Amino acid sequence: RAKFLLESVTDLRSTLQIHGSNLIIRQCQPLEAVTKLTELLKPVAPV
């Protein structure tokens, strides 16, 4: 399932790129990722 998941995430990133976006990847718990991204975006485009 880990291999299948990696393939799925890779495919999603490619699809989002086709649609003008991308997929941000983090190896941590969601709260940690959201906290850091929110802080990073405050000066330019706040969450």
All heavy atoms as atom14 arrays in JSON, in Angstrom:
{
  "sequence": "RAKFLLESVTDLRSTLQIHGSNLIIRQCQPLEAVTKLTELLKPVAPV",
  "atom14_mask": [
    [1, 1, 1, 1, 1, 1, 1, 1, 1, 1, 1, 0, 0, 0],
    [1, 1, 1, 1, 1, 0, 0, 0, 0, 0, 0, 0, 0, 0],
    [1, 1, 1, 1, 1, 1, 1, 1, 1, 0, 0, 0, 0, 0],
    [1, 1, 1, 1, 1, 1, 1, 1, 1, 1, 1, 0, 0, 0],
    [1, 1, 1, 1, 1, 1, 1, 1, 0, 0, 0, 0, 0, 0],
    [1, 1, 1, 1, 1, 1, 1, 1, 0, 0, 0, 0, 0, 0],
    [1, 1, 1, 1, 1, 1, 1, 1, 1, 0, 0, 0, 0, 0],
    [1, 1, 1, 1, 1, 1, 0, 0, 0, 0, 0, 0, 0, 0],
    [1, 1, 1, 1, 1, 1, 1, 0, 0, 0, 0, 0, 0, 0],
    [1, 1, 1, 1, 1, 1, 1, 0, 0, 0, 0, 0, 0, 0],
    [1, 1, 1, 1, 1, 1, 1, 1, 0, 0, 0, 0, 0, 0],
    [1, 1, 1, 1, 1, 1, 1, 1, 0, 0, 0, 0, 0, 0],
    [1, 1, 1, 1, 1, 1, 1, 1, 1, 1, 1, 0, 0, 0],
    [1, 1, 1, 1, 1, 1, 0, 0, 0, 0, 0, 0, 0, 0],
    [1, 1, 1, 1, 1, 1, 1, 0, 0, 0, 0, 0, 0, 0],
    [1, 1, 1, 1, 1, 1, 1, 1, 0, 0, 0, 0, 0, 0],
    [1, 1, 1, 1, 1, 1, 1, 1, 1, 0, 0, 0, 0, 0],
    [1, 1, 1, 1, 1, 1, 1, 1, 0, 0, 0, 0, 0, 0],
    [1, 1, 1, 1, 1, 1, 1, 1, 1, 1, 0, 0, 0, 0],
    [1, 1, 1, 1, 0, 0, 0, 0, 0, 0, 0, 0, 0, 0],
    [1, 1, 1, 1, 1, 1, 0, 0, 0, 0, 0, 0, 0, 0],
    [1, 1, 1, 1, 1, 1, 1, 1, 0, 0, 0, 0, 0, 0],
    [1, 1, 1, 1, 1, 1, 1, 1, 0, 0, 0, 0, 0, 0],
    [1, 1, 1, 1, 1, 1, 1, 1, 0, 0, 0, 0, 0, 0],
    [1, 1, 1, 1, 1, 1, 1, 1, 0, 0, 0, 0, 0, 0],
    [1, 1, 1, 1, 1, 1, 1, 1, 1, 1, 1, 0, 0, 0],
    [1, 1, 1, 1, 1, 1, 1, 1, 1, 0, 0, 0, 0, 0],
    [1, 1, 1, 1, 1, 1, 0, 0, 0, 0, 0, 0, 0, 0],
    [1, 1, 1, 1, 1, 1, 1, 1, 1, 0, 0, 0, 0, 0],
    [1, 1, 1, 1, 1, 1, 1, 0, 0, 0, 0, 0, 0, 0],
    [1, 1, 1, 1, 1, 1, 1, 1, 0, 0, 0, 0, 0, 0],
    [1, 1, 1, 1, 1, 1, 1, 1, 1, 0, 0, 0, 0, 0],
    [1, 1, 1, 1, 1, 0, 0, 0, 0, 0, 0, 0, 0, 0],
    [1, 1, 1, 1, 1, 1, 1, 0, 0, 0, 0, 0, 0, 0],
    [1, 1, 1, 1, 1, 1, 1, 0, 0, 0, 0, 0, 0, 0],
    [1, 1, 1, 1, 1, 1, 1, 1, 1, 0, 0, 0, 0, 0],
    [1, 1, 1, 1, 1, 1, 1, 1, 0, 0, 0, 0, 0, 0],
    [1, 1, 1, 1, 1, 1, 1, 0, 0, 0, 0, 0, 0, 0],
    [1, 1, 1, 1, 1, 1, 1, 1, 1, 0, 0, 0, 0, 0],
    [1, 1, 1, 1, 1, 1, 1, 1, 0, 0, 0, 0, 0, 0],
    [1, 1, 1, 1, 1, 1, 1, 1, 0, 0, 0, 0, 0, 0],
    [1, 1, 1, 1, 1, 1, 1, 1, 1, 0, 0, 0, 0, 0],
    [1, 1, 1, 1, 1, 1, 1, 0, 0, 0, 0, 0, 0, 0],
    [1, 1, 1, 1, 1, 1, 1, 0, 0, 0, 0, 0, 0, 0],
    [1, 1, 1, 1, 1, 0, 0, 0, 0, 0, 0, 0, 0, 0],
    [1, 1, 1, 1, 1, 1, 1, 0, 0, 0, 0, 0, 0, 0],
    [1, 1, 1, 1, 1, 1, 1, 0, 0, 0, 0, 0, 0, 0]
  ],
  "atom14_positions": [
    [[0.83, -1.2, 0.0], [0.0, 0.0, 0.0], [0.87, 1.26, 0.0], [0.5, 2.27, -0.6], [-0.96, 0.01, 1.19], [-2.01, 1.12, 1.06], [-3.14, 1.0, 2.05], [-2.73, 1.16, 3.42], [-2.53, 0.18, 4.28], [-2.71, -1.08, 3.91], [-2.16, 0.42, 5.53], [0.0, 0.0, 0.0], [0.0, 0.0, 0.0], [0.0, 0.0, 0.0]],
    [[2.03, 1.18, 0.65], [2.93, 2.34, 0.64], [3.38, 2.65, -0.8], [3.41, 3.81, -1.21], [4.15, 2.07, 1.53], [0.0, 0.0, 0.0], [0.0, 0.0, 0.0], [0.0, 0.0, 0.0], [0.0, 0.0, 0.0], [0.0, 0.0, 0.0], [0.0, 0.0, 0.0], [0.0, 0.0, 0.0], [0.0, 0.0, 0.0], [0.0, 0.0, 0.0]],
    [[3.73, 1.63, -1.55], [4.14, 1.82, -2.95], [2.98, 2.4, -3.77], [3.16, 3.33, -4.56], [4.6, 0.5, -3.54], [4.99, 0.55, -5.02], [5.52, -0.8, -5.47], [5.91, -0.8, -6.95], [4.74, -0.68, -7.84], [0.0, 0.0, 0.0], [0.0, 0.0, 0.0], [0.0, 0.0, 0.0], [0.0, 0.0, 0.0], [0.0, 0.0, 0.0]],
    [[1.79, 1.84, -3.56], [0.61, 2.31, -4.28], [0.32, 3.77, -3.94], [-0.04, 4.57, -4.8], [-0.57, 1.41, -3.92], [-1.78, 1.56, -4.79], [-1.86, 0.92, -6.01], [-2.85, 2.34, -4.38], [-2.98, 1.05, -6.83], [-3.98, 2.48, -5.18], [-4.03, 1.83, -6.4], [0.0, 0.0, 0.0], [0.0, 0.0, 0.0], [0.0, 0.0, 0.0]],
    [[0.5, 4.13, -2.68], [0.28, 5.5, -2.24], [1.29, 6.45, -2.89], [0.92, 7.54, -3.36], [0.37, 5.59, -0.72], [0.32, 6.99, -0.12], [-1.0, 7.67, -0.44], [0.54, 6.93, 1.39], [0.0, 0.0, 0.0], [0.0, 0.0, 0.0], [0.0, 0.0, 0.0], [0.0, 0.0, 0.0], [0.0, 0.0, 0.0], [0.0, 0.0, 0.0]],
    [[2.55, 6.06, -2.91], [3.57, 6.89, -3.53], [3.26, 7.14, -5.0], [3.41, 8.26, -5.51], [4.95, 6.24, -3.38], [5.56, 6.26, -1.98], [6.8, 5.38, -1.93], [5.9, 7.68, -1.55], [0.0, 0.0, 0.0], [0.0, 0.0, 0.0], [0.0, 0.0, 0.0], [0.0, 0.0, 0.0], [0.0, 0.0, 0.0], [0.0, 0.0, 0.0]],
    [[2.81, 6.1, -5.69], [2.43, 6.24, -7.09], [1.24, 7.19, -7.24], [1.17, 7.99, -8.18], [2.11, 4.87, -7.68], [3.31, 3.96, -7.79], [2.96, 2.51, -8.04], [1.75, 2.14, -7.91], [3.87, 1.71, -8.34], [0.0, 0.0, 0.0], [0.0, 0.0, 0.0], [0.0, 0.0, 0.0], [0.0, 0.0, 0.0], [0.0, 0.0, 0.0]],
    [[0.3, 7.1, -6.29], [-0.89, 7.95, -6.34], [-0.54, 9.41, -6.11], [-1.06, 10.31, -6.79], [-1.92, 7.48, -5.3], [-2.31, 6.14, -5.53], [0.0, 0.0, 0.0], [0.0, 0.0, 0.0], [0.0, 0.0, 0.0], [0.0, 0.0, 0.0], [0.0, 0.0, 0.0], [0.0, 0.0, 0.0], [0.0, 0.0, 0.0], [0.0, 0.0, 0.0]],
    [[0.33, 9.68, -5.14], [0.75, 11.05, -4.85], [1.55, 11.62, -6.02], [1.37, 12.79, -6.41], [1.56, 11.1, -3.54], [2.17, 12.48, -3.34], [0.67, 10.72, -2.36], [0.0, 0.0, 0.0], [0.0, 0.0, 0.0], [0.0, 0.0, 0.0], [0.0, 0.0, 0.0], [0.0, 0.0, 0.0], [0.0, 0.0, 0.0], [0.0, 0.0, 0.0]],
    [[2.41, 10.81, -6.6], [3.19, 11.25, -7.76], [2.28, 11.61, -8.92], [2.47, 12.64, -9.59], [4.17, 10.14, -8.19], [5.06, 9.83, -7.1], [4.99, 10.56, -9.4], [0.0, 0.0, 0.0], [0.0, 0.0, 0.0], [0.0, 0.0, 0.0], [0.0, 0.0, 0.0], [0.0, 0.0, 0.0], [0.0, 0.0, 0.0], [0.0, 0.0, 0.0]],
    [[1.27, 10.77, -9.15], [0.32, 11.03, -10.23], [-0.48, 12.31, -9.96], [-0.72, 13.11, -10.88], [-0.62, 9.84, -10.37], [-1.63, 10.03, -11.49], [-1.25, 9.88, -12.66], [-2.8, 10.34, -11.18], [0.0, 0.0, 0.0], [0.0, 0.0, 0.0], [0.0, 0.0, 0.0], [0.0, 0.0, 0.0], [0.0, 0.0, 0.0], [0.0, 0.0, 0.0]],
    [[-0.87, 12.52, -8.72], [-1.64, 13.72, -8.38], [-0.8, 14.98, -8.62], [-1.31, 15.98, -9.14], [-2.12, 13.66, -6.94], [-2.9, 14.88, -6.45], [-4.14, 15.12, -7.29], [-3.28, 14.72, -4.98], [0.0, 0.0, 0.0], [0.0, 0.0, 0.0], [0.0, 0.0, 0.0], [0.0, 0.0, 0.0], [0.0, 0.0, 0.0], [0.0, 0.0, 0.0]],
    [[0.46, 14.93, -8.23], [1.31, 16.09, -8.47], [1.39, 16.41, -9.96], [1.27, 17.57, -10.37], [2.71, 15.85, -7.89], [3.71, 16.92, -8.27], [5.03, 16.78, -7.56], [5.03, 17.53, -6.3], [6.1, 17.65, -5.51], [7.23, 17.06, -5.83], [6.03, 18.36, -4.4], [0.0, 0.0, 0.0], [0.0, 0.0, 0.0], [0.0, 0.0, 0.0]],
    [[1.54, 15.38, -10.79], [1.61, 15.59, -12.24], [0.31, 16.18, -12.77], [0.31, 17.08, -13.62], [1.91, 14.27, -12.95], [3.17, 13.77, -12.58], [0.0, 0.0, 0.0], [0.0, 0.0, 0.0], [0.0, 0.0, 0.0], [0.0, 0.0, 0.0], [0.0, 0.0, 0.0], [0.0, 0.0, 0.0], [0.0, 0.0, 0.0], [0.0, 0.0, 0.0]],
    [[-0.82, 15.67, -12.26], [-2.12, 16.17, -12.71], [-2.32, 17.63, -12.32], [-2.8, 18.45, -13.11], [-3.25, 15.31, -12.13], [-3.08, 13.96, -12.58], [-4.62, 15.81, -12.57], [0.0, 0.0, 0.0], [0.0, 0.0, 0.0], [0.0, 0.0, 0.0], [0.0, 0.0, 0.0], [0.0, 0.0, 0.0], [0.0, 0.0, 0.0], [0.0, 0.0, 0.0]],
    [[-1.95, 17.97, -11.09], [-2.08, 19.36, -10.65], [-1.2, 20.29, -11.49], [-1.58, 21.43, -11.79], [-1.73, 19.47, -9.17], [-2.79, 18.94, -8.2], [-2.24, 18.84, -6.79], [-4.05, 19.8, -8.22], [0.0, 0.0, 0.0], [0.0, 0.0, 0.0], [0.0, 0.0, 0.0], [0.0, 0.0, 0.0], [0.0, 0.0, 0.0], [0.0, 0.0, 0.0]],
    [[-0.02, 19.82, -11.88], [0.85, 20.63, -12.73], [0.19, 20.9, -14.08], [0.28, 22.0, -14.62], [2.19, 19.93, -12.91], [3.05, 19.93, -11.65], [4.27, 19.03, -11.76], [4.37, 18.19, -12.67], [5.21, 19.18, -10.85], [0.0, 0.0, 0.0], [0.0, 0.0, 0.0], [0.0, 0.0, 0.0], [0.0, 0.0, 0.0], [0.0, 0.0, 0.0]],
    [[-0.49, 19.89, -14.61], [-1.21, 20.07, -15.87], [-2.28, 21.14, -15.75], [-2.56, 21.89, -16.68], [-1.84, 18.72, -16.31], [-0.74, 17.73, -16.72], [-2.82, 18.91, -17.46], [-1.24, 16.32, -16.93], [0.0, 0.0, 0.0], [0.0, 0.0, 0.0], [0.0, 0.0, 0.0], [0.0, 0.0, 0.0], [0.0, 0.0, 0.0], [0.0, 0.0, 0.0]],
    [[-2.86, 21.24, -14.55], [-3.94, 22.21, -14.31], [-3.43, 23.5, -13.67], [-4.18, 24.21, -12.99], [-5.02, 21.57, -13.45], [-5.77, 20.47, -14.14], [-6.7, 20.7, -15.12], [-5.68, 19.12, -14.0], [-7.18, 19.55, -15.56], [-6.57, 18.57, -14.9], [0.0, 0.0, 0.0], [0.0, 0.0, 0.0], [0.0, 0.0, 0.0], [0.0, 0.0, 0.0]],
    [[-2.16, 23.8, -13.88], [-1.61, 25.09, -13.48], [-1.26, 25.22, -12.01], [-1.07, 26.34, -11.52], [0.0, 0.0, 0.0], [0.0, 0.0, 0.0], [0.0, 0.0, 0.0], [0.0, 0.0, 0.0], [0.0, 0.0, 0.0], [0.0, 0.0, 0.0], [0.0, 0.0, 0.0], [0.0, 0.0, 0.0], [0.0, 0.0, 0.0], [0.0, 0.0, 0.0]],
    [[-1.15, 24.12, -11.31], [-0.86, 24.16, -9.88], [0.28, 23.19, -9.58], [1.08, 22.85, -10.45], [-2.13, 23.82, -9.08], [-1.89, 23.89, -7.7], [0.0, 0.0, 0.0], [0.0, 0.0, 0.0], [0.0, 0.0, 0.0], [0.0, 0.0, 0.0], [0.0, 0.0, 0.0], [0.0, 0.0, 0.0], [0.0, 0.0, 0.0], [0.0, 0.0, 0.0]],
    [[0.34, 22.75, -8.34], [1.35, 21.77, -7.93], [0.91, 21.21, -6.59], [-0.06, 21.7, -5.99], [2.74, 22.39, -7.83], [3.84, 21.39, -8.16], [3.78, 20.24, -7.72], [4.83, 21.82, -8.94], [0.0, 0.0, 0.0], [0.0, 0.0, 0.0], [0.0, 0.0, 0.0], [0.0, 0.0, 0.0], [0.0, 0.0, 0.0], [0.0, 0.0, 0.0]],
    [[1.62, 20.21, -6.12], [1.3, 19.6, -4.83], [2.47, 19.83, -3.88], [3.6, 19.43, -4.17], [1.05, 18.09, -5.0], [0.65, 17.31, -3.74], [-0.68, 17.81, -3.19], [0.56, 15.81, -4.04], [0.0, 0.0, 0.0], [0.0, 0.0, 0.0], [0.0, 0.0, 0.0], [0.0, 0.0, 0.0], [0.0, 0.0, 0.0], [0.0, 0.0, 0.0]],
    [[2.18, 20.48, -2.76], [3.2, 20.68, -1.73], [3.29, 19.4, -0.9], [2.26, 18.87, -0.44], [2.84, 21.88, -0.82], [2.57, 23.13, -1.66], [3.93, 22.11, 0.21], [3.74, 23.54, -2.53], [0.0, 0.0, 0.0], [0.0, 0.0, 0.0], [0.0, 0.0, 0.0], [0.0, 0.0, 0.0], [0.0, 0.0, 0.0], [0.0, 0.0, 0.0]],
    [[4.5, 18.91, -0.71], [4.72, 17.66, 0.02], [5.48, 17.96, 1.31], [6.48, 18.69, 1.31], [5.56, 16.67, -0.82], [4.87, 16.35, -2.15], [5.84, 15.39, -0.02], [3.6, 15.55, -2.02], [0.0, 0.0, 0.0], [0.0, 0.0, 0.0], [0.0, 0.0, 0.0], [0.0, 0.0, 0.0], [0.0, 0.0, 0.0], [0.0, 0.0, 0.0]],
    [[5.0, 17.37, 2.39], [5.71, 17.45, 3.65], [5.73, 16.09, 4.34], [4.78, 15.33, 4.21], [5.05, 18.49, 4.58], [5.14, 19.93, 4.07], [6.56, 20.45, 4.09], [6.66, 21.85, 3.69], [6.93, 22.27, 2.45], [7.1, 21.38, 1.47], [7.03, 23.56, 2.18], [0.0, 0.0, 0.0], [0.0, 0.0, 0.0], [0.0, 0.0, 0.0]],
    [[6.82, 15.79, 5.03], [6.92, 14.55, 5.79], [6.83, 14.88, 7.27], [7.83, 14.95, 7.99], [8.21, 13.8, 5.46], [8.2, 13.16, 4.08], [9.4, 12.27, 3.83], [10.34, 12.66, 3.14], [9.37, 11.07, 4.39], [0.0, 0.0, 0.0], [0.0, 0.0, 0.0], [0.0, 0.0, 0.0], [0.0, 0.0, 0.0], [0.0, 0.0, 0.0]],
    [[5.61, 15.15, 7.7], [5.34, 15.49, 9.09], [3.83, 15.41, 9.3], [3.08, 15.16, 8.35], [5.84, 16.9, 9.43], [5.06, 18.21, 8.46], [0.0, 0.0, 0.0], [0.0, 0.0, 0.0], [0.0, 0.0, 0.0], [0.0, 0.0, 0.0], [0.0, 0.0, 0.0], [0.0, 0.0, 0.0], [0.0, 0.0, 0.0], [0.0, 0.0, 0.0]],
    [[3.41, 15.6, 10.52], [1.98, 15.62, 10.79], [1.35, 16.86, 10.18], [1.99, 17.92, 10.07], [1.73, 15.58, 12.3], [2.17, 14.27, 12.94], [1.98, 14.26, 14.44], [1.91, 15.32, 15.08], [1.89, 13.07, 15.01], [0.0, 0.0, 0.0], [0.0, 0.0, 0.0], [0.0, 0.0, 0.0], [0.0, 0.0, 0.0], [0.0, 0.0, 0.0]],
    [[0.08, 16.77, 9.75], [-0.56, 17.9, 9.09], [-0.52, 19.2, 9.89], [-0.32, 20.28, 9.31], [-2.0, 17.41, 8.88], [-1.86, 15.93, 8.73], [-0.77, 15.56, 9.7], [0.0, 0.0, 0.0], [0.0, 0.0, 0.0], [0.0, 0.0, 0.0], [0.0, 0.0, 0.0], [0.0, 0.0, 0.0], [0.0, 0.0, 0.0], [0.0, 0.0, 0.0]],
    [[-0.72, 19.14, 11.2], [-0.72, 20.36, 12.0], [0.62, 21.09, 11.89], [0.65, 22.32, 11.75], [-1.02, 20.04, 13.46], [-1.0, 21.24, 14.41], [-2.04, 22.28, 14.0], [-1.2, 20.8, 15.85], [0.0, 0.0, 0.0], [0.0, 0.0, 0.0], [0.0, 0.0, 0.0], [0.0, 0.0, 0.0], [0.0, 0.0, 0.0], [0.0, 0.0, 0.0]],
    [[1.7, 20.36, 11.94], [3.03, 20.97, 11.83], [3.2, 21.64, 10.47], [3.69, 22.78, 10.38], [4.11, 19.92, 12.04], [5.52, 20.47, 11.92], [6.59, 19.39, 12.07], [6.28, 18.3, 12.57], [7.75, 19.66, 11.65], [0.0, 0.0, 0.0], [0.0, 0.0, 0.0], [0.0, 0.0, 0.0], [0.0, 0.0, 0.0], [0.0, 0.0, 0.0]],
    [[2.78, 20.96, 9.41], [2.92, 21.52, 8.07], [2.07, 22.78, 7.9], [2.54, 23.8, 7.38], [2.53, 20.48, 7.03], [0.0, 0.0, 0.0], [0.0, 0.0, 0.0], [0.0, 0.0, 0.0], [0.0, 0.0, 0.0], [0.0, 0.0, 0.0], [0.0, 0.0, 0.0], [0.0, 0.0, 0.0], [0.0, 0.0, 0.0], [0.0, 0.0, 0.0]],
    [[0.83, 22.71, 8.36], [-0.08, 23.85, 8.23], [0.43, 25.04, 9.04], [0.39, 26.2, 8.58], [-1.5, 23.44, 8.68], [-2.38, 24.67, 8.85], [-2.12, 22.49, 7.66], [0.0, 0.0, 0.0], [0.0, 0.0, 0.0], [0.0, 0.0, 0.0], [0.0, 0.0, 0.0], [0.0, 0.0, 0.0], [0.0, 0.0, 0.0], [0.0, 0.0, 0.0]],
    [[0.93, 24.78, 10.24], [1.44, 25.86, 11.1], [2.6, 26.59, 10.41], [2.64, 27.83, 10.36], [1.91, 25.29, 12.45], [0.81, 24.64, 13.1], [2.45, 26.39, 13.35], [0.0, 0.0, 0.0], [0.0, 0.0, 0.0], [0.0, 0.0, 0.0], [0.0, 0.0, 0.0], [0.0, 0.0, 0.0], [0.0, 0.0, 0.0], [0.0, 0.0, 0.0]],
    [[3.54, 25.84, 9.87], [4.71, 26.45, 9.25], [4.34, 27.19, 7.96], [4.85, 28.29, 7.69], [5.76, 25.38, 8.97], [6.42, 24.84, 10.23], [7.47, 23.77, 9.91], [8.15, 23.27, 11.16], [9.16, 22.22, 10.87], [0.0, 0.0, 0.0], [0.0, 0.0, 0.0], [0.0, 0.0, 0.0], [0.0, 0.0, 0.0], [0.0, 0.0, 0.0]],
    [[3.47, 26.61, 7.17], [3.07, 27.25, 5.92], [2.28, 28.54, 6.19], [2.44, 29.54, 5.48], [2.24, 26.28, 5.08], [3.02, 25.14, 4.42], [2.06, 24.07, 3.89], [3.91, 25.66, 3.29], [0.0, 0.0, 0.0], [0.0, 0.0, 0.0], [0.0, 0.0, 0.0], [0.0, 0.0, 0.0], [0.0, 0.0, 0.0], [0.0, 0.0, 0.0]],
    [[1.44, 28.51, 7.19], [0.67, 29.7, 7.55], [1.58, 30.85, 7.96], [1.38, 32.01, 7.56], [-0.32, 29.37, 8.7], [-1.2, 28.34, 8.27], [-1.13, 30.59, 9.08], [0.0, 0.0, 0.0], [0.0, 0.0, 0.0], [0.0, 0.0, 0.0], [0.0, 0.0, 0.0], [0.0, 0.0, 0.0], [0.0, 0.0, 0.0], [0.0, 0.0, 0.0]],
    [[2.59, 30.53, 8.75], [3.55, 31.54, 9.19], [4.33, 32.08, 8.0], [4.56, 33.3, 7.88], [4.5, 30.94, 10.22], [5.41, 31.95, 10.89], [4.65, 32.97, 11.72], [3.56, 32.63, 12.24], [5.14, 34.13, 11.83], [0.0, 0.0, 0.0], [0.0, 0.0, 0.0], [0.0, 0.0, 0.0], [0.0, 0.0, 0.0], [0.0, 0.0, 0.0]],
    [[4.73, 31.19, 7.1], [5.51, 31.58, 5.93], [4.75, 32.5, 4.99], [5.31, 33.42, 4.38], [5.94, 30.3, 5.19], [6.91, 30.45, 4.02], [8.27, 30.93, 4.5], [7.06, 29.1, 3.3], [0.0, 0.0, 0.0], [0.0, 0.0, 0.0], [0.0, 0.0, 0.0], [0.0, 0.0, 0.0], [0.0, 0.0, 0.0], [0.0, 0.0, 0.0]],
    [[3.42, 32.28, 4.9], [2.61, 33.03, 3.95], [2.08, 34.36, 4.48], [1.55, 35.17, 3.72], [1.43, 32.16, 3.49], [1.8, 30.99, 2.58], [0.64, 30.01, 2.46], [2.19, 31.5, 1.2], [0.0, 0.0, 0.0], [0.0, 0.0, 0.0], [0.0, 0.0, 0.0], [0.0, 0.0, 0.0], [0.0, 0.0, 0.0], [0.0, 0.0, 0.0]],
    [[2.2, 34.6, 5.77], [1.64, 35.82, 6.37], [2.04, 37.1, 5.64], [1.18, 37.96, 5.37], [2.05, 35.92, 7.84], [1.1, 35.25, 8.8], [1.54, 35.46, 10.24], [0.62, 34.73, 11.2], [1.07, 34.92, 12.61], [0.0, 0.0, 0.0], [0.0, 0.0, 0.0], [0.0, 0.0, 0.0], [0.0, 0.0, 0.0], [0.0, 0.0, 0.0]],
    [[3.3, 37.29, 5.3], [3.68, 38.58, 4.7], [3.21, 38.77, 3.27], [3.17, 39.93, 2.8], [5.22, 38.53, 4.76], [5.58, 37.41, 5.67], [4.46, 36.43, 5.56], [0.0, 0.0, 0.0], [0.0, 0.0, 0.0], [0.0, 0.0, 0.0], [0.0, 0.0, 0.0], [0.0, 0.0, 0.0], [0.0, 0.0, 0.0], [0.0, 0.0, 0.0]],
    [[2.88, 37.69, 2.56], [2.62, 37.84, 1.12], [1.18, 37.54, 0.71], [0.58, 38.27, -0.07], [3.59, 36.94, 0.31], [5.0, 37.5, 0.35], [3.57, 35.5, 0.8], [0.0, 0.0, 0.0], [0.0, 0.0, 0.0], [0.0, 0.0, 0.0], [0.0, 0.0, 0.0], [0.0, 0.0, 0.0], [0.0, 0.0, 0.0], [0.0, 0.0, 0.0]],
    [[0.65, 36.46, 1.21], [-0.72, 36.07, 0.86], [-1.27, 35.22, 2.0], [-1.23, 33.99, 1.96], [-0.74, 35.27, -0.45], [0.0, 0.0, 0.0], [0.0, 0.0, 0.0], [0.0, 0.0, 0.0], [0.0, 0.0, 0.0], [0.0, 0.0, 0.0], [0.0, 0.0, 0.0], [0.0, 0.0, 0.0], [0.0, 0.0, 0.0], [0.0, 0.0, 0.0]],
    [[-1.75, 35.87, 3.05], [-2.12, 35.15, 4.28], [-3.16, 34.07, 4.05], [-4.05, 34.2, 3.21], [-2.65, 36.26, 5.2], [-2.96, 37.4, 4.29], [-2.02, 37.31, 3.14], [0.0, 0.0, 0.0], [0.0, 0.0, 0.0], [0.0, 0.0, 0.0], [0.0, 0.0, 0.0], [0.0, 0.0, 0.0], [0.0, 0.0, 0.0], [0.0, 0.0, 0.0]],
    [[-3.01, 33.02, 4.84], [-3.97, 31.91, 4.8], [-5.24, 32.35, 5.51], [-5.22, 32.71, 6.69], [-3.4, 30.65, 5.47], [-4.46, 29.56, 5.55], [-2.17, 30.15, 4.71], [0.0, 0.0, 0.0], [0.0, 0.0, 0.0], [0.0, 0.0, 0.0], [0.0, 0.0, 0.0], [0.0, 0.0, 0.0], [0.0, 0.0, 0.0], [0.0, 0.0, 0.0]]
  ]
}
